[in-house]
């Protein structure tokens, strides 16, 4: 059985469960808050919390930063995930927060506390390595960002039509990949998954045989993404050919230029994901825009 389905099935088979605790890793919040029955609290309390998180952000270590608790009963089951196609809604929240804070936000185990005081720990898999990217939303904005994004992703047909989930997982893979080639190809796959899902095979006048760069430009124009410059899509398409088709000795881009354009593509994909989730006006977005245009 899929690990997430095991967690959901286990939880629903325990009529005496009183609460579920999720120790969450790599999430930075400014203060405790409650969201849809889940209470988010800084691990270890507020005393010294800012210093602890600054240390976490400065290192590649996987750090327990937030405790999420949900009180439950036999008749009050956890809401199901709509993004991850299995598991509970907590998985949706952490995937969205992974994108928004540019890190792999996850929990490694859920602890089920029973009404009689006994505890049972159920492990949850973590399918991603530690991702460290651009922090597009600040700790002050986490609650508003989460509320807006969850509301958007629950609109009828949104998950099927937008390609957000594929883009999000490819984006995180691009951040954690061990070498530049995989980072670029992952970001390119994520971006093109969203572009193709938008057109759904109907290229709206661009022609079925259009190149990926022309489709990218058509997607840009349809959404008025002025942070994508005219020359970017063709450069990214050529770079994809370097990594997917050409012999290493025949590649067009130097290592420096490949790294530069990979970084720009990652940032463009990040902004597109935030826009799809309905969250475009956060404090750190301007720094992302500057890095794309630099």
Protein backbone atom coordinates (compact mmCIF):
# COMPACT_ATOMS: atom_id res chain seq x y z
CA UNK A 1 0.00 0.00 0.00
CA UNK A 2 1.16 3.54 -0.71
CA UNK A 3 2.73 5.04 2.50
CA UNK A 4 0.37 8.03 2.52
CA UNK A 5 -2.64 5.75 2.04
CA UNK A 6 -1.35 3.67 4.97
CA UNK A 7 -1.39 6.76 7.16
CA UNK A 8 -4.93 7.69 6.10
CA UNK A 9 -6.20 4.13 6.48
CA UNK A 10 -4.52 3.74 9.88
CA UNK A 11 -5.95 6.98 11.17
CA UNK A 12 -9.47 6.12 10.00
CA UNK A 13 -9.23 2.69 11.68
CA UNK A 14 -8.51 4.18 15.12
CA UNK A 15 -11.81 5.28 16.72
CA UNK A 16 -10.13 6.35 19.97
CA UNK A 17 -7.59 8.75 18.44
CA UNK A 18 -7.73 12.11 20.21
CA UNK A 19 -5.04 14.03 18.33
CA UNK A 20 -2.40 13.71 15.64
CA UNK A 21 0.97 15.46 15.86
CA UNK A 22 3.16 16.24 12.85
CA UNK A 23 6.74 17.41 13.49
CA UNK A 24 7.28 19.60 10.40
CA UNK A 25 10.71 20.32 8.92
CA UNK A 26 12.11 23.45 7.22
CA UNK A 27 9.08 25.73 7.60
CA UNK A 28 9.56 29.26 8.94
CA UNK A 29 6.54 30.94 10.54
CA UNK A 30 6.42 34.18 12.49
CA UNK A 31 3.84 33.21 15.11
CA UNK A 32 1.44 30.36 15.99
CA UNK A 33 -1.74 30.14 13.91
CA UNK A 34 -4.62 27.77 13.22
CA UNK A 35 -5.67 26.68 9.75
CA UNK A 36 -8.60 24.37 8.99
CA UNK A 37 -8.33 22.55 12.31
CA UNK A 38 -4.52 22.29 12.22
CA UNK A 39 -2.53 24.31 14.76
CA UNK A 40 0.90 25.49 13.60
CA UNK A 41 3.31 26.27 16.46
CA UNK A 42 7.07 27.03 16.33
CA UNK A 43 8.96 24.02 17.66
CA UNK A 44 10.52 24.79 21.01
CA UNK A 45 8.36 27.87 21.54
CA UNK A 46 8.91 31.52 20.63
CA UNK A 47 11.93 32.16 22.89
CA UNK A 48 14.96 32.21 20.63
CA UNK A 49 12.92 30.98 17.67
CA UNK A 50 14.15 33.68 15.27
CA UNK A 51 17.78 32.82 15.96
CA UNK A 52 17.14 29.09 15.55
CA UNK A 53 15.48 29.56 12.17
CA UNK A 54 18.17 31.95 10.93
CA UNK A 55 20.65 29.20 11.68
CA UNK A 56 18.51 26.69 9.81
CA UNK A 57 18.29 28.92 6.74
CA UNK A 58 22.06 29.36 6.70
CA UNK A 59 22.80 25.62 6.59
CA UNK A 60 21.78 22.69 4.39
CA UNK A 61 20.60 20.71 7.40
CA UNK A 62 17.12 19.20 7.62
CA UNK A 63 15.62 20.89 10.70
CA UNK A 64 12.47 20.38 12.77
CA UNK A 65 11.01 23.89 12.98
CA UNK A 66 7.22 23.69 13.45
CA UNK A 67 4.82 21.40 15.29
CA UNK A 68 1.44 20.88 13.61
CA UNK A 69 -1.34 19.37 15.73
CA UNK A 70 -4.83 18.30 14.78
CA UNK A 71 -7.43 17.23 17.32
CA UNK A 72 -9.61 14.40 16.00
CA UNK A 73 -12.32 11.94 16.98
CA UNK A 74 -13.96 8.87 15.49
CA UNK A 75 -16.46 11.08 13.63
CA UNK A 76 -14.07 13.87 12.61
CA UNK A 77 -11.65 12.50 10.04
CA UNK A 78 -8.83 14.47 8.47
CA UNK A 79 -9.76 16.18 5.18
CA UNK A 80 -8.38 14.40 2.14
CA UNK A 81 -5.62 15.79 -0.06
CA UNK A 82 -6.64 17.23 -3.43
CA UNK A 83 -3.13 17.94 -4.78
CA UNK A 84 -1.24 14.78 -3.91
CA UNK A 85 -3.97 12.28 -4.93
CA UNK A 86 -3.57 10.39 -1.65
CA UNK A 87 -3.13 11.06 2.00
CA UNK A 88 -4.59 13.97 3.95
CA UNK A 89 -4.84 17.71 3.41
CA UNK A 90 -1.71 18.29 5.48
CA UNK A 91 0.22 17.04 2.41
CA UNK A 92 -1.35 19.82 0.32
CA UNK A 93 -0.35 22.46 2.84
CA UNK A 94 3.25 21.30 2.99
CA UNK A 95 3.62 21.05 -0.80
CA UNK A 96 2.33 24.61 -1.17
CA UNK A 97 4.66 25.81 1.58
CA UNK A 98 7.58 23.99 -0.06
CA UNK A 99 7.02 26.09 -3.19
CA UNK A 100 6.43 29.34 -1.34
CA UNK A 101 9.44 29.07 0.97
CA UNK A 102 11.79 27.34 -1.47
CA UNK A 103 12.58 24.43 0.85
CA UNK A 104 11.43 20.84 1.22
CA UNK A 105 8.71 21.35 3.87
CA UNK A 106 7.60 17.94 5.12
CA UNK A 107 6.98 15.76 8.15
CA UNK A 108 8.81 12.48 8.72
CA UNK A 109 6.32 10.83 11.04
CA UNK A 110 2.86 11.37 12.50
CA UNK A 111 2.22 10.58 16.17
CA UNK A 112 -1.29 9.38 17.02
CA UNK A 113 -2.27 10.05 20.65
CA UNK A 114 -5.20 8.01 21.98
CA UNK A 115 -7.79 9.08 24.51
CA UNK A 116 -6.39 6.61 27.04
CA UNK A 117 -3.01 8.35 26.91
CA UNK A 118 -1.20 5.76 24.81
CA UNK A 119 0.73 6.78 21.71
CA UNK A 120 1.39 5.19 18.36
CA UNK A 121 3.92 6.59 15.88
CA UNK A 122 3.26 6.07 12.18
CA UNK A 123 6.09 6.92 9.81
CA UNK A 124 5.56 9.01 6.70
CA UNK A 125 7.89 8.80 3.74
CA UNK A 126 9.67 11.93 2.51
CA UNK A 127 9.96 11.63 -1.23
CA UNK A 128 12.17 14.66 -1.78
CA UNK A 129 15.67 15.58 -0.72
CA UNK A 130 16.31 18.87 1.01
CA UNK A 131 15.48 21.67 -1.42
CA UNK A 132 16.84 25.18 -0.91
CA UNK A 133 15.63 27.77 -3.38
CA UNK A 134 14.29 31.32 -3.41
CA UNK A 135 12.12 32.23 -0.44
CA UNK A 136 9.24 33.92 -2.24
CA UNK A 137 7.02 34.42 0.82
CA UNK A 138 8.15 35.61 4.23
CA UNK A 139 7.20 34.13 7.63
CA UNK A 140 4.85 37.09 8.12
CA UNK A 141 2.83 36.01 5.08
CA UNK A 142 2.61 32.24 5.53
CA UNK A 143 -0.96 32.15 6.87
CA UNK A 144 -2.37 34.47 4.17
CA UNK A 145 -0.45 32.64 1.45
CA UNK A 146 -1.70 29.25 2.60
CA UNK A 147 -5.30 30.43 2.86
CA UNK A 148 -5.28 31.94 -0.63
CA UNK A 149 -3.50 29.03 -2.28
CA UNK A 150 -5.67 26.32 -0.71
CA UNK A 151 -8.84 28.17 -1.70
CA UNK A 152 -7.60 28.44 -5.30
CA UNK A 153 -6.53 24.81 -5.66
CA UNK A 154 -9.96 23.60 -4.51
CA UNK A 155 -11.80 25.36 -7.32
CA UNK A 156 -13.56 22.79 -9.56
CA UNK A 157 -11.21 21.55 -12.27
CA UNK A 158 -8.24 23.59 -11.06
CA UNK A 159 -5.92 20.65 -10.30
CA UNK A 160 -6.72 18.93 -13.58
CA UNK A 161 -6.46 22.03 -15.77
CA UNK A 162 -3.49 23.97 -14.38
CA UNK A 163 -0.59 21.54 -14.18
CA UNK A 164 0.41 23.02 -10.81
CA UNK A 165 1.24 19.69 -9.17
CA UNK A 166 3.58 18.53 -11.95
CA UNK A 167 5.21 21.96 -12.05
CA UNK A 168 5.65 22.04 -8.27
CA UNK A 169 7.32 18.63 -8.02
CA UNK A 170 9.61 19.31 -11.00
CA UNK A 171 10.49 22.69 -9.46
CA UNK A 172 11.51 21.08 -6.17
CA UNK A 173 13.46 18.43 -8.06
CA UNK A 174 15.33 21.20 -9.88
CA UNK A 175 16.39 22.68 -6.55
CA UNK A 176 17.62 19.44 -5.02
CA UNK A 177 19.22 17.83 -8.10
CA UNK A 178 22.95 17.13 -7.66
CA UNK A 179 24.13 18.64 -10.94
CA UNK A 180 23.28 21.47 -13.30
CA UNK A 181 22.04 19.29 -16.14
CA UNK A 182 19.34 17.66 -14.03
CA UNK A 183 18.43 20.99 -12.42
CA UNK A 184 17.81 22.55 -15.81
CA UNK A 185 15.94 19.61 -17.33
CA UNK A 186 13.73 19.37 -14.22
CA UNK A 187 12.87 23.08 -14.37
CA UNK A 188 12.26 22.83 -18.13
CA UNK A 189 9.96 19.80 -17.67
CA UNK A 190 8.02 21.60 -14.96
CA UNK A 191 7.59 24.73 -17.04
CA UNK A 192 6.55 22.85 -20.18
CA UNK A 193 4.12 20.67 -18.21
CA UNK A 194 2.29 23.85 -17.22
CA UNK A 195 2.48 25.35 -20.73
CA UNK A 196 1.13 22.22 -22.44
CA UNK A 197 -1.59 21.75 -19.83
CA UNK A 198 -2.73 25.34 -20.44
CA UNK A 199 -3.15 24.79 -24.20
CA UNK A 200 -4.48 21.24 -23.83
CA UNK A 201 -3.32 20.39 -27.36
CA UNK A 202 -5.15 23.38 -28.86
CA UNK A 203 -2.39 25.82 -29.51
CA UNK A 204 -4.81 28.72 -30.10
CA UNK A 205 -3.48 29.84 -33.46
CA UNK A 206 0.16 28.96 -32.90
CA UNK A 207 -0.16 25.68 -34.83
CA UNK A 208 0.25 22.12 -33.55
CA UNK A 209 3.81 21.93 -34.85
CA UNK A 210 4.89 25.07 -33.03
CA UNK A 211 8.23 24.91 -31.28
CA UNK A 212 8.36 24.88 -27.46
CA UNK A 213 9.74 28.43 -27.51
CA UNK A 214 6.73 29.73 -29.48
CA UNK A 215 4.34 27.94 -27.15
CA UNK A 216 6.19 29.44 -24.20
CA UNK A 217 5.81 32.94 -25.70
CA UNK A 218 2.10 32.34 -26.38
CA UNK A 219 1.67 31.21 -22.77
CA UNK A 220 3.55 34.30 -21.58
CA UNK A 221 1.40 36.66 -23.65
CA UNK A 222 -1.84 34.99 -22.53
CA UNK A 223 -0.90 35.62 -18.88
CA UNK A 224 0.92 38.94 -19.38
CA UNK A 225 4.06 37.60 -17.71
CA UNK A 226 6.33 40.50 -18.56
CA UNK A 227 9.15 38.98 -16.50
CA UNK A 228 9.71 36.51 -19.36
CA UNK A 229 11.74 38.41 -21.97
CA UNK A 230 11.35 37.73 -25.69
CA UNK A 231 14.72 36.00 -25.95
CA UNK A 232 14.32 33.73 -22.91
CA UNK A 233 12.20 30.88 -24.37
CA UNK A 234 14.47 30.34 -27.38
CA UNK A 235 17.54 30.30 -25.14
CA UNK A 236 15.90 27.76 -22.82
CA UNK A 237 14.85 25.61 -25.77
CA UNK A 238 18.41 25.60 -27.11
CA UNK A 239 19.75 24.76 -23.67
CA UNK A 240 17.30 21.85 -23.48
CA UNK A 241 18.75 20.56 -26.75
CA UNK A 242 22.24 20.84 -25.28
CA UNK A 243 21.26 18.55 -22.42
CA UNK A 244 18.81 16.24 -24.17
CA UNK A 245 20.19 15.77 -27.70
CA UNK A 246 23.67 17.15 -28.32
CA UNK A 247 26.97 15.46 -27.63
CA UNK A 248 28.81 17.23 -24.79
CA UNK A 249 31.50 18.40 -27.22
CA UNK A 250 28.86 20.01 -29.43
CA UNK A 251 27.00 21.97 -26.75
CA UNK A 252 26.38 25.65 -27.41
CA UNK A 253 26.40 27.03 -23.88
CA UNK A 254 29.31 27.45 -21.53
CA UNK A 255 28.94 26.22 -17.96
CA UNK A 256 28.57 29.79 -16.72
CA UNK A 257 25.78 30.68 -19.16
CA UNK A 258 24.01 27.37 -18.61
CA UNK A 259 24.02 28.02 -14.86
CA UNK A 260 22.75 31.57 -15.33
CA UNK A 261 19.83 30.59 -17.57
CA UNK A 262 18.95 27.61 -15.41
CA UNK A 263 18.64 29.92 -12.43
CA UNK A 264 16.43 32.30 -14.40
CA UNK A 265 14.17 29.47 -15.52
CA UNK A 266 13.80 28.22 -11.95
CA UNK A 267 12.73 31.70 -10.85
CA UNK A 268 10.26 32.06 -13.72
CA UNK A 269 8.75 28.67 -12.83
CA UNK A 270 8.50 29.77 -9.20
CA UNK A 271 6.58 32.94 -10.12
CA UNK A 272 4.28 31.02 -12.46
CA UNK A 273 3.48 28.52 -9.69
CA UNK A 274 2.71 31.34 -7.25
CA UNK A 275 0.52 33.02 -9.84
CA UNK A 276 -1.37 29.80 -10.54
CA UNK A 277 -2.05 29.52 -6.81
CA UNK A 278 -3.41 33.09 -6.79
CA UNK A 279 -0.53 34.53 -4.77
CA UNK A 280 1.32 37.23 -6.69
CA UNK A 281 1.86 40.15 -4.33
CA UNK A 282 4.17 38.90 -1.63
CA UNK A 283 7.09 40.83 -0.22
CA UNK A 284 9.89 38.73 -1.70
CA UNK A 285 8.45 38.58 -5.23
CA UNK A 286 10.31 41.75 -6.21
CA UNK A 287 13.67 40.18 -5.40
CA UNK A 288 12.78 37.23 -7.65
CA UNK A 289 11.86 39.61 -10.48
CA UNK A 290 15.14 41.45 -10.15
CA UNK A 291 17.12 38.23 -10.42
CA UNK A 292 15.26 37.25 -13.62
CA UNK A 293 15.85 40.62 -15.28
CA UNK A 294 19.44 41.03 -14.14
